[in-house]
Amino acid sequence: MNPPIRIADILAQIERATLGDDRNLAINEAIEAFGRGVRHPLVLGLVAEGLESQGRHAEALGLLRRVVAATPGDAQAWFRIGRVLLFQGQRDAAREALERGLAMAPSDYRGLIDAGTVCLRLGYLAASTVYFERASGVDPAAAEPISALAVVAGLEGDTGRARTMATRALVLAPDLISAQIALGKADMADGRSDLAATRMTELLMRPNLTDAQRIDAHDLRADSLDALDRPAEAFEDYAARNAVVRRVTTPSLAKLSESQGDRARRLAAWFLAAAPEPWRATAGADAVGAGLTARHVFLVGFPRSGTTLLEKMLASHPSIVTLEEVDALGVAGNALLSDDTALNGLASLTAAQAQPVREAYWRGVGEALGEPIAGRVFVDKMPLHTPALPLVAKLFPNARILFALRDPRDVVFSCFRRRFRMNAAMFEFLTLDGAARYYAAVMGLAAIYREKLPLTIHEVRHEALVADFEGEARRALAFLGAPWDPAVNNFAAQVRGTPRTPSAPQVARGLNADGVGQWRRYLTQLEPVEPMLSRWVERFGYEAG
């Protein structure tokens, strides 16, 4: 029979262990105490630390949430929650947790670094600068925040400052990997792709790179090799980068019951067999939206089809307000697309049933937008809302659809090549085959929708917009009922300093045709997916390869 547990003695022993040099001893003692039923916050926090070291982040997060529930003033627990959430890709939630910790411990160096990193990954460059500068003020001899400021400067297009800050960081810490990456990006921006490629090759030989650093190094070397017109080698690096991303993100995304590609194929099969009559009837007019906006527009298509350029052009118009990459429609209505029963219910949706969904949608728009839309055209830009067009048809029957198109080969290669904030949809892009299958599934679904649903659609081809910007812009504006305004020519100003999508840095440079026909240079690498794309190349009228 075990002797009775004296919790005070156990906690005192663990506390002594935490003060020593062997952190694993403290963790192991906490694990033993946890096994004996001790649930003190100190024990929970150390067990969570052990779980983190084993890559069991979801379990660690659960224990850390129990810690802050018991001791909400534990700043370090909030910081650790933020770090776990950041690792899981939950950036907004990570930022919230880190800011809660900083409200209690505003001078915590690691908390400031992590908060700056989250803001950087969210594209909030001004906020990230503030956090990194505060961290540098806490520890002026630290190289890490200086290196981070170099990265921010590079994203803002200030390559001179980026190079200066990165060099300063390397003086303080000659082996600092983040500073080497910042210098490589400055090399690229200055047109020295050869230097960037060499620097990243040397970096990738180091055995101590973290997954995040390896991803950055492969990504930068791939872009360098692409700029040097070495597409085969560049492709290998894009694939190597994606393999690391896939390995890191698979555990969290493997729990999903349905992939986004499977979802598109399920919806296609259902709508192919569906009778068209129920879909010709709406669930009544959208009175909520009619009282808020002059016209409601959805900008859809597929990622990397030119939606960012189109959205920024529209956002520059004084009579138009846009919402970029916020899934208000999915949050409000995705349950109506979840299975056959839900789809049958959507087909026969009544005005009374539609009302709360519409209210939830517009409430989400209002919370995300932060500016009035009364009397203006409202454009909801989310490329992957294409599978959700039945929601638009039923809930917002007067809405108009801008459908972005681009050569399927450029779209699929760009989805594979560029880095995205990882989620279930972007996970499909980590292999070329996955990207092509997903694209074909969504385009096939869109074709079925156009036959079955009463949608008002205007197509905008990226290549045409680049070749004849004003002509295509005028046609798009006329479709929306907005007059021509020369302010749309200043679209590039809409994205400077806020790179929220992979397209943003390119759009910020102004109108250019650099992305048109990129697939030709990667023709050999695209051969395995050509059969999946040829149908859409032909259907959309693009030149056969």
Protein backbone atom coordinates (compact mmCIF):
# COMPACT_ATOMS: atom_id res chain seq x y z
CA MET A 1 0.00 0.00 0.00
CA ASN A 2 1.41 3.39 -1.02
CA PRO A 3 1.91 5.95 1.76
CA PRO A 4 -0.48 8.93 1.71
CA ILE A 5 0.49 11.72 -0.66
CA ARG A 6 1.80 14.86 1.02
CA ILE A 7 1.19 17.37 -1.76
CA ALA A 8 3.12 20.14 -0.01
CA ASP A 9 6.22 17.92 0.19
CA ILE A 10 5.90 16.89 -3.46
CA LEU A 11 5.55 20.49 -4.63
CA ALA A 12 8.52 21.57 -2.51
CA GLN A 13 10.64 18.82 -4.06
CA ILE A 14 9.59 19.85 -7.58
CA GLU A 15 10.29 23.52 -6.84
CA ARG A 16 13.80 22.61 -5.67
CA ALA A 17 14.31 20.66 -8.89
CA THR A 18 13.25 23.66 -10.99
CA LEU A 19 16.01 25.71 -9.36
CA GLY A 20 18.68 23.22 -10.39
CA ASP A 21 20.50 22.71 -13.66
CA ASP A 22 18.58 19.58 -14.68
CA ARG A 23 15.25 20.74 -16.10
CA ASN A 24 14.37 17.18 -17.11
CA LEU A 25 14.50 16.15 -13.45
CA ALA A 26 11.83 18.70 -12.58
CA ILE A 27 9.69 17.59 -15.51
CA ASN A 28 10.02 13.92 -14.63
CA GLU A 29 9.11 14.57 -11.00
CA ALA A 30 6.09 16.57 -12.16
CA ILE A 31 5.03 13.71 -14.46
CA GLU A 32 5.29 11.29 -11.54
CA ALA A 33 3.22 13.62 -9.36
CA PHE A 34 0.65 14.00 -12.13
CA GLY A 35 0.40 10.21 -12.32
CA ARG A 36 -0.37 10.18 -8.60
CA GLY A 37 -3.22 12.61 -9.10
CA VAL A 38 -1.57 15.94 -8.26
CA ARG A 39 -3.11 18.72 -10.38
CA HIS A 40 -1.36 21.78 -9.00
CA PRO A 41 -0.58 24.47 -11.66
CA LEU A 42 3.17 23.93 -11.14
CA VAL A 43 2.78 20.25 -11.97
CA LEU A 44 0.49 20.91 -14.93
CA GLY A 45 2.90 23.46 -16.39
CA LEU A 46 5.90 21.14 -16.16
CA VAL A 47 4.00 18.19 -17.61
CA ALA A 48 2.91 20.47 -20.47
CA GLU A 49 6.55 21.37 -21.04
CA GLY A 50 7.40 17.69 -21.32
CA LEU A 51 4.57 17.13 -23.78
CA GLU A 52 5.78 20.05 -25.88
CA SER A 53 9.26 18.54 -26.09
CA GLN A 54 7.67 15.35 -27.46
CA GLY A 55 5.70 17.28 -30.10
CA ARG A 56 2.39 16.62 -28.31
CA HIS A 57 1.28 20.22 -28.60
CA ALA A 58 -2.48 19.71 -28.41
CA GLU A 59 -2.15 17.87 -25.08
CA ALA A 60 0.26 20.51 -23.78
CA LEU A 61 -2.17 23.25 -24.74
CA GLY A 62 -4.97 21.55 -22.83
CA LEU A 63 -2.88 21.46 -19.65
CA LEU A 64 -1.71 25.05 -20.07
CA ARG A 65 -5.32 26.20 -20.38
CA ARG A 66 -6.00 24.46 -17.07
CA VAL A 67 -3.07 26.38 -15.57
CA VAL A 68 -4.44 29.80 -16.59
CA ALA A 69 -7.94 28.79 -15.51
CA ALA A 70 -6.55 28.18 -12.02
CA THR A 71 -4.04 31.05 -12.05
CA PRO A 72 -5.12 33.61 -14.68
CA GLY A 73 -2.34 35.95 -13.62
CA ASP A 74 0.41 33.52 -14.67
CA ALA A 75 2.05 35.50 -17.48
CA GLN A 76 4.48 32.71 -18.36
CA ALA A 77 1.63 30.26 -18.90
CA TRP A 78 0.00 32.73 -21.30
CA PHE A 79 3.32 33.13 -23.14
CA ARG A 80 3.62 29.36 -23.50
CA ILE A 81 0.04 29.09 -24.74
CA GLY A 82 0.90 31.72 -27.33
CA ARG A 83 3.96 29.78 -28.46
CA VAL A 84 2.03 26.51 -28.79
CA LEU A 85 -0.75 28.23 -30.73
CA LEU A 86 1.83 29.84 -33.02
CA PHE A 87 3.38 26.44 -33.69
CA GLN A 88 -0.09 25.13 -34.57
CA GLY A 89 -0.63 27.99 -37.01
CA GLN A 90 -3.36 29.65 -34.92
CA ARG A 91 -1.83 33.07 -35.25
CA ASP A 92 -4.68 35.32 -34.16
CA ALA A 93 -5.27 33.23 -31.05
CA ALA A 94 -1.51 33.15 -30.39
CA ARG A 95 -1.34 36.93 -30.57
CA GLU A 96 -4.22 37.27 -28.12
CA ALA A 97 -2.55 34.93 -25.62
CA LEU A 98 0.82 36.65 -25.91
CA GLU A 99 -0.75 40.07 -25.43
CA ARG A 100 -2.48 38.83 -22.28
CA GLY A 101 0.88 37.73 -20.96
CA LEU A 102 2.49 41.06 -21.87
CA ALA A 103 -0.27 42.95 -20.09
CA MET A 104 1.04 41.31 -16.89
CA ALA A 105 4.75 41.25 -17.77
CA PRO A 106 5.33 44.04 -20.32
CA SER A 107 9.11 43.73 -20.23
CA ASP A 108 9.34 39.98 -20.78
CA TYR A 109 11.94 39.61 -23.50
CA ARG A 110 10.75 36.27 -24.91
CA GLY A 111 7.12 37.34 -24.79
CA LEU A 112 7.97 40.46 -26.81
CA ILE A 113 9.93 38.44 -29.38
CA ASP A 114 7.11 35.94 -29.78
CA ALA A 115 4.48 38.69 -30.08
CA GLY A 116 6.58 40.40 -32.74
CA THR A 117 6.95 37.10 -34.60
CA VAL A 118 3.19 36.49 -34.57
CA CYS A 119 2.49 39.99 -35.90
CA LEU A 120 5.16 39.52 -38.56
CA ARG A 121 3.52 36.30 -39.76
CA LEU A 122 0.12 37.98 -39.74
CA GLY A 123 1.48 40.78 -41.91
CA TYR A 124 1.14 43.48 -39.24
CA LEU A 125 4.56 45.02 -39.84
CA ALA A 126 4.10 48.18 -37.77
CA ALA A 127 3.00 46.18 -34.73
CA SER A 128 5.86 43.70 -35.14
CA THR A 129 8.34 46.59 -35.29
CA VAL A 130 7.03 47.93 -31.97
CA TYR A 131 7.44 44.57 -30.24
CA PHE A 132 10.93 43.93 -31.61
CA GLU A 133 12.08 47.43 -30.67
CA ARG A 134 10.72 46.92 -27.14
CA ALA A 135 12.60 43.59 -26.92
CA SER A 136 15.80 45.32 -28.06
CA GLY A 137 15.27 47.92 -25.36
CA VAL A 138 14.95 45.19 -22.72
CA ASP A 139 18.21 43.55 -23.88
CA PRO A 140 20.30 45.95 -26.02
CA ALA A 141 23.03 43.32 -26.44
CA ALA A 142 20.63 40.77 -27.98
CA ALA A 143 20.99 40.13 -31.70
CA GLU A 144 17.62 38.41 -32.21
CA PRO A 145 15.36 41.51 -32.21
CA ILE A 146 17.79 43.40 -34.44
CA SER A 147 17.73 40.53 -36.91
CA ALA A 148 13.92 40.49 -36.77
CA LEU A 149 13.84 44.23 -37.50
CA ALA A 150 16.02 43.51 -40.55
CA VAL A 151 13.37 41.06 -41.79
CA VAL A 152 10.64 43.68 -41.29
CA ALA A 153 12.67 46.29 -43.16
CA GLY A 154 13.10 43.89 -46.05
CA LEU A 155 9.37 43.26 -46.23
CA GLU A 156 8.78 47.00 -46.26
CA GLY A 157 11.15 47.31 -49.22
CA ASP A 158 13.90 49.12 -47.29
CA THR A 159 16.77 46.86 -48.29
CA GLY A 160 19.43 49.30 -47.09
CA ARG A 161 18.07 49.26 -43.54
CA ALA A 162 17.53 45.48 -43.76
CA ARG A 163 21.18 44.94 -44.67
CA THR A 164 22.41 47.35 -41.98
CA MET A 165 20.32 45.72 -39.23
CA ALA A 166 21.25 42.19 -40.28
CA THR A 167 24.94 43.08 -40.32
CA ARG A 168 24.61 44.59 -36.83
CA ALA A 169 22.97 41.40 -35.62
CA LEU A 170 25.78 39.26 -37.04
CA VAL A 171 28.39 41.38 -35.26
CA LEU A 172 26.62 40.54 -32.00
CA ALA A 173 26.00 36.88 -32.93
CA PRO A 174 28.05 35.69 -35.94
CA ASP A 175 26.15 32.40 -36.22
CA LEU A 176 22.65 33.91 -36.05
CA ILE A 177 20.65 32.12 -38.72
CA SER A 178 17.80 34.63 -38.94
CA ALA A 179 20.27 37.41 -39.77
CA GLN A 180 21.78 35.31 -42.57
CA ILE A 181 18.29 34.80 -43.99
CA ALA A 182 17.60 38.54 -43.74
CA LEU A 183 20.82 39.27 -45.63
CA GLY A 184 19.87 36.70 -48.25
CA LYS A 185 16.55 38.45 -48.78
CA ALA A 186 18.36 41.78 -49.09
CA ASP A 187 20.66 40.19 -51.68
CA MET A 188 17.59 39.07 -53.64
CA ALA A 189 15.97 42.51 -53.44
CA ASP A 190 19.21 44.09 -54.70
CA GLY A 191 19.31 41.75 -57.69
CA ARG A 192 22.13 39.56 -56.32
CA SER A 193 20.37 36.22 -56.57
CA ASP A 194 23.70 34.46 -56.90
CA LEU A 195 24.82 35.72 -53.49
CA ALA A 196 21.48 34.76 -51.93
CA ALA A 197 21.69 31.24 -53.39
CA THR A 198 25.25 30.77 -52.14
CA ARG A 199 24.39 32.10 -48.69
CA MET A 200 21.39 29.76 -48.37
CA THR A 201 23.39 26.75 -49.64
CA GLU A 202 25.94 27.33 -46.86
CA LEU A 203 23.11 27.76 -44.36
CA LEU A 204 21.35 24.54 -45.37
CA MET A 205 24.56 22.62 -44.64
CA ARG A 206 24.19 23.45 -40.94
CA PRO A 207 22.80 20.54 -38.90
CA ASN A 208 21.22 22.77 -36.25
CA LEU A 209 18.52 24.48 -38.34
CA THR A 210 15.05 24.45 -36.90
CA ASP A 211 12.16 23.41 -39.15
CA ALA A 212 11.13 27.04 -39.54
CA GLN A 213 14.67 28.07 -40.51
CA ARG A 214 15.00 25.20 -42.97
CA ILE A 215 11.69 26.22 -44.56
CA ASP A 216 12.91 29.81 -44.91
CA ALA A 217 16.28 28.76 -46.35
CA HIS A 218 14.79 26.38 -48.94
CA ASP A 219 12.21 29.01 -49.89
CA LEU A 220 14.78 31.74 -50.41
CA ARG A 221 17.20 29.51 -52.31
CA ALA A 222 14.36 28.33 -54.54
CA ASP A 223 13.42 31.91 -55.43
CA SER A 224 17.10 32.72 -55.99
CA LEU A 225 17.53 29.78 -58.35
CA ASP A 226 14.34 30.73 -60.16
CA ALA A 227 15.69 34.24 -60.68
CA LEU A 228 18.92 32.68 -62.01
CA ASP A 229 16.81 30.71 -64.53
CA ARG A 230 17.64 27.35 -62.99
CA PRO A 231 14.07 26.02 -62.77
CA ALA A 232 14.84 22.34 -62.17
CA GLU A 233 16.93 23.15 -59.09
CA ALA A 234 14.41 25.74 -57.91
CA PHE A 235 11.61 23.18 -58.17
CA GLU A 236 13.59 20.75 -56.01
CA ASP A 237 13.89 23.40 -53.31
CA TYR A 238 10.19 24.28 -53.45
CA ALA A 239 9.43 20.58 -53.03
CA ALA A 240 11.92 20.23 -50.16
CA ARG A 241 10.43 23.26 -48.40
CA ASN A 242 6.90 21.89 -48.80
CA ALA A 243 7.97 18.50 -47.50
CA VAL A 244 9.10 20.10 -44.24
CA VAL A 245 5.89 22.12 -44.00
CA ARG A 246 3.85 19.00 -44.65
CA ARG A 247 5.67 17.04 -41.96
CA VAL A 248 5.20 19.81 -39.42
CA THR A 249 1.53 20.46 -40.16
CA THR A 250 0.27 16.93 -40.88
CA PRO A 251 -0.48 16.01 -37.23
CA SER A 252 -2.95 18.87 -36.77
CA LEU A 253 -4.56 18.56 -40.23
CA ALA A 254 -4.71 14.76 -40.24
CA LYS A 255 -7.58 14.92 -37.76
CA LEU A 256 -9.90 16.49 -40.33
CA SER A 257 -12.70 14.16 -41.37
CA GLU A 258 -12.74 15.57 -44.93
CA SER A 259 -10.05 17.23 -47.00
CA GLN A 260 -10.92 20.33 -48.98
CA GLY A 261 -10.45 18.45 -52.24
CA ASP A 262 -12.77 15.67 -51.08
CA ARG A 263 -15.29 18.31 -50.02
CA ALA A 264 -15.31 19.83 -53.51
CA ARG A 265 -15.72 16.40 -55.09
CA ARG A 266 -18.55 15.51 -52.69
CA LEU A 267 -20.39 18.73 -53.52
CA ALA A 268 -19.89 18.12 -57.25
CA ALA A 269 -21.37 14.63 -57.04
CA TRP A 270 -24.35 15.89 -55.04
CA PHE A 271 -25.13 18.81 -57.35
CA LEU A 272 -24.72 16.71 -60.48
CA ALA A 273 -27.57 14.52 -59.22
CA ALA A 274 -29.63 17.37 -57.75
CA ALA A 275 -32.85 18.54 -59.38
CA PRO A 276 -32.43 22.13 -60.62
CA GLU A 277 -35.91 23.38 -59.65
CA PRO A 278 -35.31 23.96 -55.89
CA TRP A 279 -32.24 26.03 -56.72
CA ARG A 280 -34.17 28.41 -58.94
CA ALA A 281 -36.05 29.61 -55.86
CA THR A 282 -34.30 31.85 -53.30
CA ALA A 283 -34.86 32.12 -49.57
CA GLY A 284 -36.25 35.62 -50.03
CA ALA A 285 -34.38 38.88 -50.36
CA ASP A 286 -31.46 39.82 -48.12
CA ALA A 287 -33.07 42.69 -46.25
CA VAL A 288 -30.12 42.93 -43.83
CA GLY A 289 -27.59 43.53 -46.59
CA ALA A 290 -29.93 45.81 -48.53
CA GLY A 291 -29.97 48.14 -45.55
CA LEU A 292 -26.18 48.16 -45.27
CA THR A 293 -24.68 48.36 -48.74
CA ALA A 294 -25.44 49.70 -52.22
CA ARG A 295 -24.42 46.40 -53.80
CA HIS A 296 -23.08 43.09 -52.49
CA VAL A 297 -20.29 41.38 -54.46
CA PHE A 298 -18.33 38.15 -53.96
CA LEU A 299 -14.87 37.93 -55.53
CA VAL A 300 -14.06 34.23 -55.99
CA GLY A 301 -12.10 31.89 -58.25
CA PHE A 302 -9.01 30.10 -56.95
CA PRO A 303 -5.89 31.25 -55.05
CA ARG A 304 -3.19 32.76 -57.28
CA SER A 305 -5.71 33.64 -60.00
CA GLY A 306 -5.20 37.40 -59.72
CA THR A 307 -7.76 38.05 -57.00
CA THR A 308 -5.41 40.25 -54.95
CA LEU A 309 -4.68 42.59 -57.87
CA LEU A 310 -8.39 42.79 -58.64
CA GLU A 311 -9.38 43.37 -55.01
CA LYS A 312 -6.77 46.11 -54.49
CA MET A 313 -7.89 47.82 -57.69
CA LEU A 314 -11.49 47.81 -56.42
CA ALA A 315 -10.45 48.92 -52.92
CA SER A 316 -8.87 52.04 -54.45
CA HIS A 317 -12.27 53.18 -55.73
CA PRO A 318 -13.95 55.73 -53.39
CA SER A 319 -17.36 54.08 -53.80
CA ILE A 320 -16.16 50.55 -53.00
CA VAL A 321 -15.11 48.89 -49.76
CA THR A 322 -13.52 45.44 -49.74
CA LEU A 323 -13.04 42.68 -47.18
CA GLU A 324 -9.93 40.59 -47.83
CA GLU A 325 -9.54 36.93 -46.85
CA VAL A 326 -12.00 36.85 -43.93
CA ASP A 327 -14.31 33.84 -44.01
CA ALA A 328 -17.50 35.47 -42.76
CA LEU A 329 -19.55 33.40 -45.20
CA GLY A 330 -18.05 30.10 -44.08
CA VAL A 331 -18.40 30.86 -40.39
CA ALA A 332 -22.06 31.75 -40.87
CA GLY A 333 -23.12 29.06 -43.32
CA ASN A 334 -20.66 26.21 -43.87
CA ALA A 335 -22.84 23.90 -41.76
CA LEU A 336 -25.42 24.12 -44.56
CA LEU A 337 -22.94 22.40 -46.90
CA SER A 338 -21.71 19.76 -44.45
CA ASP A 339 -23.58 16.65 -45.72
CA ASP A 340 -26.50 15.46 -47.83
CA THR A 341 -29.06 16.26 -45.15
CA ALA A 342 -27.74 19.81 -44.80
CA LEU A 343 -27.71 20.30 -48.59
CA ASN A 344 -31.32 19.11 -48.86
CA GLY A 345 -32.18 21.63 -46.17
CA LEU A 346 -30.34 24.38 -48.01
CA ALA A 347 -32.20 23.58 -51.22
CA SER A 348 -35.53 24.22 -49.47
CA LEU A 349 -34.34 27.00 -47.16
CA THR A 350 -37.06 29.44 -46.11
CA ALA A 351 -36.71 33.16 -45.46
CA ALA A 352 -37.17 32.57 -41.74
CA GLN A 353 -34.39 29.97 -41.70
CA ALA A 354 -32.11 32.19 -43.76
CA GLN A 355 -32.49 35.24 -41.53
CA PRO A 356 -30.18 34.20 -38.64
CA VAL A 357 -27.51 33.03 -41.11
CA ARG A 358 -27.62 36.36 -42.93
CA GLU A 359 -27.42 38.22 -39.64
CA ALA A 360 -24.42 36.14 -38.57
CA TYR A 361 -22.68 36.85 -41.88
CA TRP A 362 -23.18 40.60 -41.74
CA ARG A 363 -22.20 40.65 -38.08
CA GLY A 364 -18.94 38.93 -38.99
CA VAL A 365 -18.37 41.39 -41.83
CA GLY A 366 -18.93 44.33 -39.53
CA GLU A 367 -16.54 43.01 -36.90
CA ALA A 368 -13.81 42.38 -39.47
CA LEU A 369 -14.24 45.46 -41.63
CA GLY A 370 -13.89 48.33 -39.21
CA GLU A 371 -15.28 50.97 -41.60
CA PRO A 372 -18.78 51.98 -42.75
CA ILE A 373 -20.20 50.49 -45.93
CA ALA A 374 -23.49 52.41 -46.12
CA GLY A 375 -24.16 53.53 -49.68
CA ARG A 376 -21.04 51.82 -51.03
CA VAL A 377 -20.41 48.69 -53.05
CA PHE A 378 -19.18 45.94 -50.72
CA VAL A 379 -16.80 43.31 -52.13
CA ASP A 380 -16.17 40.14 -50.13
CA LYS A 381 -12.91 38.74 -51.52
CA MET A 382 -12.22 35.09 -50.68
CA PRO A 383 -10.98 32.99 -53.62
CA LEU A 384 -11.97 29.73 -51.98
CA HIS A 385 -15.58 30.78 -51.55
CA THR A 386 -16.17 29.15 -54.94
CA PRO A 387 -17.40 25.87 -53.33
CA ALA A 388 -19.74 27.97 -51.16
CA LEU A 389 -21.61 29.57 -54.09
CA PRO A 390 -24.83 27.68 -53.20
CA LEU A 391 -24.88 29.76 -50.01
CA VAL A 392 -24.61 32.91 -52.10
CA ALA A 393 -27.41 31.78 -54.40
CA LYS A 394 -29.79 31.06 -51.53
CA LEU A 395 -28.86 33.68 -48.97
CA PHE A 396 -27.82 36.62 -51.18
CA PRO A 397 -29.77 36.27 -54.43
CA ASN A 398 -29.04 39.83 -55.55
CA ALA A 399 -25.29 39.54 -55.02
CA ARG A 400 -22.98 39.67 -58.01
CA ILE A 401 -20.02 37.38 -58.59
CA LEU A 402 -16.62 38.43 -59.89
CA PHE A 403 -14.87 35.24 -60.98
CA ALA A 404 -11.10 35.52 -61.39
CA LEU A 405 -9.41 33.36 -64.03
CA ARG A 406 -5.78 32.75 -64.93
CA ASP A 407 -3.96 30.13 -66.98
CA PRO A 408 -4.48 26.90 -64.96
CA ARG A 409 -0.81 25.96 -65.28
CA ASP A 410 0.32 29.28 -63.80
CA VAL A 411 -2.28 28.94 -61.04
CA VAL A 412 -1.32 25.43 -59.99
CA PHE A 413 2.43 25.99 -60.17
CA SER A 414 2.09 29.24 -58.22
CA CYS A 415 -0.01 27.52 -55.53
CA PHE A 416 2.73 24.91 -55.18
CA ARG A 417 5.49 27.49 -55.27
CA ARG A 418 4.25 30.21 -52.93
CA ARG A 419 3.98 30.07 -49.16
CA PHE A 420 0.58 30.42 -47.53
CA ARG A 421 -0.75 30.63 -44.01
CA MET A 422 -1.37 26.96 -43.48
CA ASN A 423 -4.93 25.67 -43.20
CA ALA A 424 -6.89 22.75 -44.62
CA ALA A 425 -7.18 24.33 -48.07
CA MET A 426 -3.55 25.43 -48.33
CA PHE A 427 -2.44 21.97 -47.19
CA GLU A 428 -3.57 20.73 -50.62
CA PHE A 429 -0.86 22.87 -52.26
CA LEU A 430 2.10 21.18 -50.60
CA THR A 431 2.43 18.74 -53.51
CA LEU A 432 2.04 19.58 -57.18
CA ASP A 433 -0.34 16.66 -57.62
CA GLY A 434 -2.45 17.81 -54.69
CA ALA A 435 -2.64 21.36 -56.03
CA ALA A 436 -3.68 20.15 -59.50
CA ARG A 437 -6.32 17.77 -58.14
CA TYR A 438 -7.77 20.47 -55.91
CA TYR A 439 -7.85 22.99 -58.75
CA ALA A 440 -9.58 20.53 -61.08
CA ALA A 441 -12.12 19.66 -58.37
CA VAL A 442 -13.00 23.30 -57.69
CA MET A 443 -13.21 24.26 -61.35
CA GLY A 444 -15.39 21.22 -62.05
CA LEU A 445 -17.63 22.21 -59.16
CA ALA A 446 -17.84 25.80 -60.42
CA ALA A 447 -18.92 24.56 -63.86
CA ILE A 448 -21.74 22.53 -62.29
CA TYR A 449 -22.83 25.51 -60.19
CA ARG A 450 -23.06 27.73 -63.25
CA GLU A 451 -25.51 25.26 -64.77
CA LYS A 452 -27.62 24.70 -61.65
CA LEU A 453 -27.54 27.98 -59.71
CA PRO A 454 -29.01 31.40 -60.63
CA LEU A 455 -25.77 33.36 -60.37
CA THR A 456 -24.85 36.69 -61.97
CA ILE A 457 -21.18 36.26 -62.92
CA HIS A 458 -18.54 38.39 -64.62
CA GLU A 459 -15.19 36.78 -65.40
CA VAL A 460 -11.96 38.74 -65.08
CA ARG A 461 -8.88 37.18 -66.64
CA HIS A 462 -5.62 38.07 -64.99
CA GLU A 463 -3.72 38.18 -68.27
CA ALA A 464 -6.30 40.55 -69.76
CA LEU A 465 -6.22 42.81 -66.70
CA VAL A 466 -2.44 43.05 -66.93
CA ALA A 467 -2.51 43.70 -70.69
CA ASP A 468 -5.37 46.24 -70.69
CA PHE A 469 -5.78 47.41 -67.11
CA GLU A 470 -8.09 50.35 -67.69
CA GLY A 471 -10.30 48.52 -70.18
CA GLU A 472 -10.78 45.50 -67.93
CA ALA A 473 -11.18 47.69 -64.84
CA ARG A 474 -13.90 49.71 -66.56
CA ARG A 475 -15.78 46.55 -67.51
CA ALA A 476 -15.57 45.17 -63.98
CA LEU A 477 -16.71 48.46 -62.45
CA ALA A 478 -19.63 48.67 -64.87
CA PHE A 479 -20.70 45.17 -63.80
CA LEU A 480 -20.72 46.39 -60.20
CA GLY A 481 -22.59 49.56 -61.06
CA ALA A 482 -19.67 51.82 -60.14
CA PRO A 483 -18.38 54.63 -62.39
CA TRP A 484 -14.81 54.81 -63.63
CA ASP A 485 -12.49 56.61 -61.23
CA PRO A 486 -8.76 57.20 -61.89
CA ALA A 487 -8.06 56.41 -58.23
CA VAL A 488 -8.06 52.72 -59.15
CA ASN A 489 -4.70 53.28 -60.86
CA ASN A 490 -3.17 53.72 -57.38
CA PHE A 491 -3.95 50.14 -56.32
CA ALA A 492 -0.34 49.39 -55.35
CA ALA A 493 -0.59 51.78 -52.39
CA GLN A 494 -3.28 49.54 -50.91
CA VAL A 495 -0.81 46.78 -50.04
CA ARG A 496 2.43 48.48 -49.10
CA GLY A 497 3.27 47.55 -45.53
CA THR A 498 0.47 44.95 -45.23
CA PRO A 499 1.56 41.76 -47.04
CA ARG A 500 -1.45 39.64 -46.00
CA THR A 501 -1.33 37.31 -49.02
CA PRO A 502 1.53 35.78 -51.06
CA SER A 503 0.50 38.04 -53.95
CA ALA A 504 0.74 41.27 -51.98
CA PRO A 505 4.49 41.97 -52.47
CA GLN A 506 4.09 41.57 -56.24
CA VAL A 507 0.98 43.77 -56.35
CA ALA A 508 2.80 46.41 -54.29
CA ARG A 509 5.33 46.76 -57.13
CA GLY A 510 2.57 47.89 -59.47
CA LEU A 511 1.27 46.45 -62.70
CA ASN A 512 3.59 43.93 -64.34
CA ALA A 513 3.42 40.77 -66.42
CA ASP A 514 6.13 38.87 -64.54
CA GLY A 515 3.72 36.14 -63.48
CA VAL A 516 2.23 35.56 -66.93
CA GLY A 517 3.42 32.32 -68.55
CA GLN A 518 5.74 31.25 -65.73
CA TRP A 519 4.59 27.68 -66.30
CA ARG A 520 6.56 27.51 -69.56
CA ARG A 521 9.86 27.50 -67.69
CA TYR A 522 8.64 24.58 -65.57
CA LEU A 523 7.10 22.58 -68.39
CA THR A 524 9.07 19.42 -67.54
CA GLN A 525 8.09 19.56 -63.88
CA LEU A 526 4.42 20.16 -64.76
CA GLU A 527 4.20 17.18 -67.14
CA PRO A 528 2.83 14.76 -64.48
CA VAL A 529 -0.20 17.00 -63.80
CA GLU A 530 -0.81 18.13 -67.39
CA PRO A 531 -3.63 15.57 -67.97
CA MET A 532 -5.55 17.04 -65.02
CA LEU A 533 -5.16 20.60 -66.27
CA SER A 534 -5.52 20.23 -70.04
CA ARG A 535 -9.32 20.18 -69.86
CA TRP A 536 -9.34 23.56 -68.14
CA VAL A 537 -6.63 25.01 -70.37
CA GLU A 538 -8.84 24.20 -73.35
CA ARG A 539 -12.12 25.21 -71.71
CA PHE A 540 -10.79 28.63 -70.72
CA GLY A 541 -9.22 29.18 -74.13
CA TYR A 542 -5.55 29.21 -73.16
CA GLU A 543 -2.81 28.10 -75.54
CA ALA A 544 -1.96 24.41 -75.34
CA GLY A 545 1.53 23.63 -74.07
